[in-house]
Amino acid sequence: MQYKNILTLISVNNDNFENYFRKIFLDVRSSGSKKTTINVFTEIQYPELVTLIREALLENIDIGYELFLWKKNEVDIFLKNLEKSEVDGLLVYCDDENKVFMSKIVDNLPTAIKRNLIKDFCRKLS
């Protein structure tokens, strides 16, 4: 199946962002999509994140992306905004420290979005 727009959720420690973003772009590409909406749950600011993931972004210039940063206490706002989104694929990434946090987000996603799960790397950490 080819996906038009993939919703990506990620919450990892700052030193892991670059490798995870490389993985995101690889998974988006391997799913046949050229576009992803990346929602990052972190406490760092946008310029700092872009500095951390700069190389991964440049290496994957052919993948279109929208990048949104959410504070960890803004999950309700994220979920409300998600109701307006049209996505046909879902990727979920986290590290060990953020596994419980991401599980709570995924559990609260609308069923229509959860049904389009491509990969959930948080569940694999069990």
Protein backbone atom coordinates (compact mmCIF):
# COMPACT_ATOMS: atom_id res chain seq x y z
CA MET A 1 0.00 0.00 0.00
CA GLN A 2 1.24 3.47 -0.83
CA TYR A 3 0.56 6.19 1.70
CA LYS A 4 -0.09 9.84 0.83
CA ASN A 5 0.47 11.46 4.22
CA ILE A 6 1.94 9.69 7.21
CA LEU A 7 1.41 10.97 10.73
CA THR A 8 4.59 10.52 12.77
CA LEU A 9 4.72 10.77 16.55
CA ILE A 10 8.07 10.92 18.35
CA SER A 11 9.30 11.49 21.89
CA VAL A 12 12.97 10.80 22.61
CA ASN A 13 15.84 12.31 24.56
CA ASN A 14 17.73 15.15 22.88
CA ASP A 15 20.82 13.10 22.07
CA ASN A 16 18.71 10.56 20.12
CA PHE A 17 16.87 12.90 17.76
CA GLU A 18 19.22 12.70 14.78
CA ASN A 19 19.20 8.89 14.55
CA TYR A 20 15.45 8.70 15.08
CA PHE A 21 14.81 11.27 12.35
CA ARG A 22 16.96 9.26 9.95
CA LYS A 23 14.83 6.23 10.82
CA ILE A 24 11.61 8.23 10.31
CA PHE A 25 12.63 9.32 6.82
CA LEU A 26 13.75 5.78 5.94
CA ASP A 27 10.41 4.35 7.07
CA VAL A 28 8.43 7.05 5.25
CA ARG A 29 10.37 6.35 2.07
CA SER A 30 10.04 2.55 2.39
CA SER A 31 6.28 2.89 2.86
CA GLY A 32 6.05 4.56 -0.54
CA SER A 33 5.18 8.00 0.79
CA LYS A 34 6.87 11.30 0.07
CA LYS A 35 5.20 13.27 2.88
CA THR A 36 4.96 13.06 6.64
CA THR A 37 3.62 15.23 9.42
CA ILE A 38 6.07 14.88 12.31
CA ASN A 39 4.81 15.68 15.80
CA VAL A 40 7.62 15.90 18.33
CA PHE A 41 6.84 15.83 22.05
CA THR A 42 9.73 17.55 23.79
CA GLU A 43 10.62 20.42 26.06
CA ILE A 44 13.29 21.89 23.77
CA GLN A 45 12.70 24.84 21.45
CA TYR A 46 12.32 24.63 17.67
CA PRO A 47 15.75 26.13 16.77
CA GLU A 48 17.51 23.67 19.07
CA LEU A 49 15.66 20.71 17.55
CA VAL A 50 16.47 21.80 14.00
CA THR A 51 20.13 22.06 14.99
CA LEU A 52 20.02 18.51 16.34
CA ILE A 53 18.34 17.03 13.25
CA ARG A 54 19.90 19.24 10.57
CA GLU A 55 21.97 16.50 8.93
CA ALA A 56 19.04 14.07 8.82
CA LEU A 57 16.88 16.76 7.18
CA LEU A 58 19.51 17.55 4.55
CA GLU A 59 20.08 13.87 3.76
CA ASN A 60 16.37 13.40 3.08
CA ILE A 61 15.54 16.56 1.18
CA ASP A 62 13.25 14.59 -1.17
CA ILE A 63 10.79 13.82 1.65
CA GLY A 64 8.23 16.53 2.35
CA TYR A 65 7.51 17.12 6.00
CA GLU A 66 5.65 19.35 8.40
CA LEU A 67 7.31 19.62 11.79
CA PHE A 68 5.32 20.41 14.92
CA LEU A 69 6.70 20.65 18.44
CA TRP A 70 4.50 20.00 21.43
CA LYS A 71 5.31 20.35 25.09
CA LYS A 72 4.55 17.19 27.00
CA ASN A 73 1.70 18.94 28.77
CA GLU A 74 0.04 19.87 25.43
CA VAL A 75 -1.19 16.40 24.49
CA ASP A 76 -4.85 17.45 24.76
CA ILE A 77 -4.27 20.33 22.32
CA PHE A 78 -2.46 17.96 19.94
CA LEU A 79 -5.33 15.45 20.05
CA LYS A 80 -7.89 18.19 19.42
CA ASN A 81 -5.93 19.47 16.38
CA LEU A 82 -5.58 15.91 15.13
CA GLU A 83 -9.33 15.65 14.59
CA LYS A 84 -8.97 17.93 11.54
CA SER A 85 -6.09 15.96 10.02
CA GLU A 86 -6.32 13.59 7.11
CA VAL A 87 -3.73 10.87 7.45
CA ASP A 88 -3.53 7.43 5.96
CA GLY A 89 -0.55 6.06 7.87
CA LEU A 90 0.89 6.21 11.39
CA LEU A 91 4.46 5.81 12.66
CA VAL A 92 5.31 5.95 16.38
CA TYR A 93 8.81 6.34 17.84
CA CYS A 94 10.12 6.62 21.39
CA ASP A 95 13.04 5.63 23.54
CA ASP A 96 12.86 3.72 26.82
CA GLU A 97 12.34 6.83 28.95
CA ASN A 98 9.36 8.00 26.89
CA LYS A 99 7.63 4.67 26.31
CA VAL A 100 4.86 5.16 28.89
CA PHE A 101 4.23 8.74 27.73
CA MET A 102 3.87 7.70 24.08
CA SER A 103 1.67 4.73 24.96
CA LYS A 104 -0.78 7.12 26.59
CA ILE A 105 -0.87 9.27 23.47
CA VAL A 106 -1.40 6.31 21.14
CA ASP A 107 -4.15 4.94 23.39
CA ASN A 108 -6.02 8.26 23.03
CA LEU A 109 -5.74 8.52 19.24
CA PRO A 110 -8.97 8.22 17.26
CA THR A 111 -9.66 4.67 16.11
CA ALA A 112 -9.59 5.77 12.46
CA ILE A 113 -5.96 6.85 12.89
CA LYS A 114 -4.89 3.86 15.00
CA ARG A 115 -6.28 1.59 12.31
CA ASN A 116 -3.67 3.02 9.89
CA LEU A 117 -0.69 2.02 12.04
CA ILE A 118 2.36 1.18 9.93
CA LYS A 119 4.92 0.71 12.72
CA ASP A 120 4.92 1.32 16.46
CA PHE A 121 8.49 1.19 17.74
CA CYS A 122 7.33 1.91 21.29
CA ARG A 123 5.50 -1.40 21.55
CA LYS A 124 8.63 -3.30 20.46
CA LEU A 125 10.51 -2.04 23.52
CA SER A 126 8.45 -4.24 25.85
